């Protein structure tokens, strides 16, 4: 679970979404949407400064049963700026906190995220 959020932070900072793809189930719509957002930013010759997601808590849903598990994940996002490649600020975002419900399932030899829903 932590690796997926680290992969998102890495993608936001670099535009490289390969790590997200490696831990996202092919049916994960939220994963595809997030990847598309990163691709759109970098495709528009923009980049993100700051930001990044840091997990503050992860709580397993006790009703989860193998092979799939659900977690409540509290995430802190640092303030960030969307910048043009010429150095102009396009947009600023304040630091925020989110709560996600994330579903993971064992596939091949590792867990992949199959669903993600932002609650707050």
C-alpha atoms as a PDB file:
ATOM      1  CA  UNK A   1       0.000   0.000   0.000  1.00  0.00           C
ATOM      2  CA  UNK A   2       2.749   2.445   0.926  1.00  0.00           C
ATOM      3  CA  UNK A   3       4.595   1.754  -2.314  1.00  0.00           C
ATOM      4  CA  UNK A   4       1.561   2.754  -4.399  1.00  0.00           C
ATOM      5  CA  UNK A   5       1.415   6.167  -2.706  1.00  0.00           C
ATOM      6  CA  UNK A   6       5.185   6.565  -3.097  1.00  0.00           C
ATOM      7  CA  UNK A   7       4.760   5.742  -6.801  1.00  0.00           C
ATOM      8  CA  UNK A   8       2.102   8.458  -7.099  1.00  0.00           C
ATOM      9  CA  UNK A   9       4.379  11.013  -5.435  1.00  0.00           C
ATOM     10  CA  UNK A  10       7.236  10.015  -7.724  1.00  0.00           C
ATOM     11  CA  UNK A  11       4.997  10.334 -10.795  1.00  0.00           C
ATOM     12  CA  UNK A  12       3.806  13.787  -9.715  1.00  0.00           C
ATOM     13  CA  UNK A  13       7.411  14.972  -9.337  1.00  0.00           C
ATOM     14  CA  UNK A  14       8.845  13.360 -12.468  1.00  0.00           C
ATOM     15  CA  UNK A  15       6.043  12.587 -14.919  1.00  0.00           C
ATOM     16  CA  UNK A  16       7.139   8.924 -14.916  1.00  0.00           C
ATOM     17  CA  UNK A  17       4.032   6.792 -14.303  1.00  0.00           C
ATOM     18  CA  UNK A  18       5.633   3.368 -14.838  1.00  0.00           C
ATOM     19  CA  UNK A  19       5.737   2.641 -11.101  1.00  0.00           C
ATOM     20  CA  UNK A  20       2.008   3.353 -10.776  1.00  0.00           C
ATOM     21  CA  UNK A  21       1.336   0.950 -13.635  1.00  0.00           C
ATOM     22  CA  UNK A  22       3.414  -1.751 -11.938  1.00  0.00           C
ATOM     23  CA  UNK A  23       1.191  -1.759  -8.821  1.00  0.00           C
ATOM     24  CA  UNK A  24      -2.216  -0.881 -10.296  1.00  0.00           C
ATOM     25  CA  UNK A  25      -4.721  -3.523 -11.360  1.00  0.00           C
ATOM     26  CA  UNK A  26      -5.809  -3.121 -14.979  1.00  0.00           C
ATOM     27  CA  UNK A  27      -9.410  -2.586 -13.785  1.00  0.00           C
ATOM     28  CA  UNK A  28      -8.529   0.248 -11.364  1.00  0.00           C
ATOM     29  CA  UNK A  29     -10.306   3.287 -12.808  1.00  0.00           C
ATOM     30  CA  UNK A  30      -8.946   5.677 -10.167  1.00  0.00           C
ATOM     31  CA  UNK A  31      -5.419   4.498 -10.993  1.00  0.00           C
ATOM     32  CA  UNK A  32      -5.981   5.152 -14.705  1.00  0.00           C
ATOM     33  CA  UNK A  33      -7.448   8.593 -13.980  1.00  0.00           C
ATOM     34  CA  UNK A  34      -4.507   9.555 -11.792  1.00  0.00           C
ATOM     35  CA  UNK A  35      -2.045   8.346 -14.405  1.00  0.00           C
ATOM     36  CA  UNK A  36      -3.918  10.319 -17.092  1.00  0.00           C
ATOM     37  CA  UNK A  37      -3.763  13.473 -14.954  1.00  0.00           C
ATOM     38  CA  UNK A  38      -0.003  13.162 -14.559  1.00  0.00           C
ATOM     39  CA  UNK A  39       0.395  12.440 -18.291  1.00  0.00           C
ATOM     40  CA  UNK A  40      -1.714  15.515 -19.123  1.00  0.00           C
ATOM     41  CA  UNK A  41       0.370  17.802 -16.902  1.00  0.00           C
ATOM     42  CA  UNK A  42       3.683  16.690 -18.335  1.00  0.00           C
ATOM     43  CA  UNK A  43       2.257  16.446 -21.856  1.00  0.00           C
ATOM     44  CA  UNK A  44       1.280  20.125 -21.592  1.00  0.00           C
ATOM     45  CA  UNK A  45       4.942  20.980 -20.854  1.00  0.00           C
ATOM     46  CA  UNK A  46       4.223  21.599 -17.181  1.00  0.00           C
ATOM     47  CA  UNK A  47       5.576  20.035 -14.005  1.00  0.00           C
ATOM     48  CA  UNK A  48       4.771  19.849 -10.296  1.00  0.00           C
ATOM     49  CA  UNK A  49       6.955  21.356  -7.580  1.00  0.00           C
ATOM     50  CA  UNK A  50       6.453  20.350  -3.963  1.00  0.00           C
ATOM     51  CA  UNK A  51       3.451  18.238  -3.172  1.00  0.00           C
ATOM     52  CA  UNK A  52       3.838  14.538  -2.807  1.00  0.00           C
ATOM     53  CA  UNK A  53       1.676  12.262  -0.712  1.00  0.00           C
ATOM     54  CA  UNK A  54       2.722  10.958   2.694  1.00  0.00           C
ATOM     55  CA  UNK A  55       0.675   8.341   4.522  1.00  0.00           C
ATOM     56  CA  UNK A  56      -0.098   9.261   8.121  1.00  0.00           C
ATOM     57  CA  UNK A  57      -2.131   6.143   8.978  1.00  0.00           C
ATOM     58  CA  UNK A  58      -3.272   2.914   7.360  1.00  0.00           C
ATOM     59  CA  UNK A  59      -6.086   0.910   8.928  1.00  0.00           C
ATOM     60  CA  UNK A  60      -7.083  -2.531   7.691  1.00  0.00           C
ATOM     61  CA  UNK A  61     -10.818  -3.106   7.330  1.00  0.00           C
ATOM     62  CA  UNK A  62     -11.318  -6.046   9.730  1.00  0.00           C
ATOM     63  CA  UNK A  63     -13.980  -7.480   7.400  1.00  0.00           C
ATOM     64  CA  UNK A  64     -11.361  -7.973   4.667  1.00  0.00           C
ATOM     65  CA  UNK A  65     -10.613 -11.532   3.687  1.00  0.00           C
ATOM     66  CA  UNK A  66      -7.886 -12.991   1.473  1.00  0.00           C
ATOM     67  CA  UNK A  67      -7.091 -12.590  -1.347  1.00  0.00           C
ATOM     68  CA  UNK A  68      -8.330  -8.973  -1.336  1.00  0.00           C
ATOM     69  CA  UNK A  69      -8.015  -6.418   1.429  1.00  0.00           C
ATOM     70  CA  UNK A  70      -9.453  -2.971   2.057  1.00  0.00           C
ATOM     71  CA  UNK A  71      -7.725  -0.187   3.948  1.00  0.00           C
ATOM     72  CA  UNK A  72      -8.588   3.287   5.164  1.00  0.00           C
ATOM     73  CA  UNK A  73      -5.569   5.411   4.290  1.00  0.00           C
ATOM     74  CA  UNK A  74      -5.034   8.922   5.656  1.00  0.00           C
ATOM     75  CA  UNK A  75      -2.741  10.937   3.398  1.00  0.00           C
ATOM     76  CA  UNK A  76      -1.066  14.317   3.817  1.00  0.00           C
ATOM     77  CA  UNK A  77      -0.223  16.287   0.697  1.00  0.00           C
ATOM     78  CA  UNK A  78       2.282  19.104   0.996  1.00  0.00           C
ATOM     79  CA  UNK A  79       1.606  22.423  -0.724  1.00  0.00           C
ATOM     80  CA  UNK A  80       2.498  22.310  -4.392  1.00  0.00           C
ATOM     81  CA  UNK A  81       2.810  24.447  -7.476  1.00  0.00           C
ATOM     82  CA  UNK A  82       1.992  23.546 -11.041  1.00  0.00           C
ATOM     83  CA  UNK A  83       4.676  25.200 -13.126  1.00  0.00           C
ATOM     84  CA  UNK A  84       5.151  25.793 -16.823  1.00  0.00           C
ATOM     85  CA  UNK A  85       8.494  24.615 -18.163  1.00  0.00           C
ATOM     86  CA  UNK A  86       9.376  28.283 -18.639  1.00  0.00           C
ATOM     87  CA  UNK A  87       9.164  28.771 -14.857  1.00  0.00           C
ATOM     88  CA  UNK A  88       5.767  30.471 -14.578  1.00  0.00           C
ATOM     89  CA  UNK A  89       3.395  29.380 -11.799  1.00  0.00           C
ATOM     90  CA  UNK A  90       0.218  28.002 -13.386  1.00  0.00           C
ATOM     91  CA  UNK A  91      -1.585  26.970 -10.194  1.00  0.00           C
ATOM     92  CA  UNK A  92      -0.939  26.724  -6.443  1.00  0.00           C
ATOM     93  CA  UNK A  93      -2.429  24.142  -4.105  1.00  0.00           C
ATOM     94  CA  UNK A  94      -2.392  24.401  -0.313  1.00  0.00           C
ATOM     95  CA  UNK A  95      -1.370  21.508   1.894  1.00  0.00           C
ATOM     96  CA  UNK A  96      -4.295  19.098   2.265  1.00  0.00           C
ATOM     97  CA  UNK A  97      -5.332  15.913   3.992  1.00  0.00           C
ATOM     98  CA  UNK A  98      -7.298  13.113   2.344  1.00  0.00           C
ATOM     99  CA  UNK A  99      -8.839   9.838   3.418  1.00  0.00           C
ATOM    100  CA  UNK A 100      -8.963   7.064   0.850  1.00  0.00           C
ATOM    101  CA  UNK A 101     -10.530   3.637   0.890  1.00  0.00           C
ATOM    102  CA  UNK A 102      -8.085   1.468  -1.015  1.00  0.00           C
ATOM    103  CA  UNK A 103      -8.557  -2.089  -2.173  1.00  0.00           C
ATOM    104  CA  UNK A 104      -5.605  -4.360  -2.879  1.00  0.00           C
ATOM    105  CA  UNK A 105      -5.377  -7.884  -4.209  1.00  0.00           C
ATOM    106  CA  UNK A 106      -2.513 -10.344  -4.611  1.00  0.00           C
ATOM    107  CA  UNK A 107      -1.702 -10.756  -8.307  1.00  0.00           C
ATOM    108  CA  UNK A 108       1.240 -12.722  -9.664  1.00  0.00           C
ATOM    109  CA  UNK A 109       3.905 -12.055  -7.050  1.00  0.00           C
ATOM    110  CA  UNK A 110       2.811  -8.762  -5.436  1.00  0.00           C
ATOM    111  CA  UNK A 111      -0.177  -6.738  -4.272  1.00  0.00           C
ATOM    112  CA  UNK A 112      -1.846  -4.354  -6.713  1.00  0.00           C
ATOM    113  CA  UNK A 113      -4.393  -1.623  -6.072  1.00  0.00           C
ATOM    114  CA  UNK A 114      -7.728  -2.547  -7.639  1.00  0.00           C
ATOM    115  CA  UNK A 115      -9.784   0.356  -6.319  1.00  0.00           C
ATOM    116  CA  UNK A 116      -9.345   3.735  -4.702  1.00  0.00           C
ATOM    117  CA  UNK A 117     -12.038   6.077  -3.431  1.00  0.00           C
ATOM    118  CA  UNK A 118     -11.387   9.472  -1.880  1.00  0.00           C
ATOM    119  CA  UNK A 119     -13.633  10.122   1.113  1.00  0.00           C
ATOM    120  CA  UNK A 120     -12.353  13.432   2.441  1.00  0.00           C
END
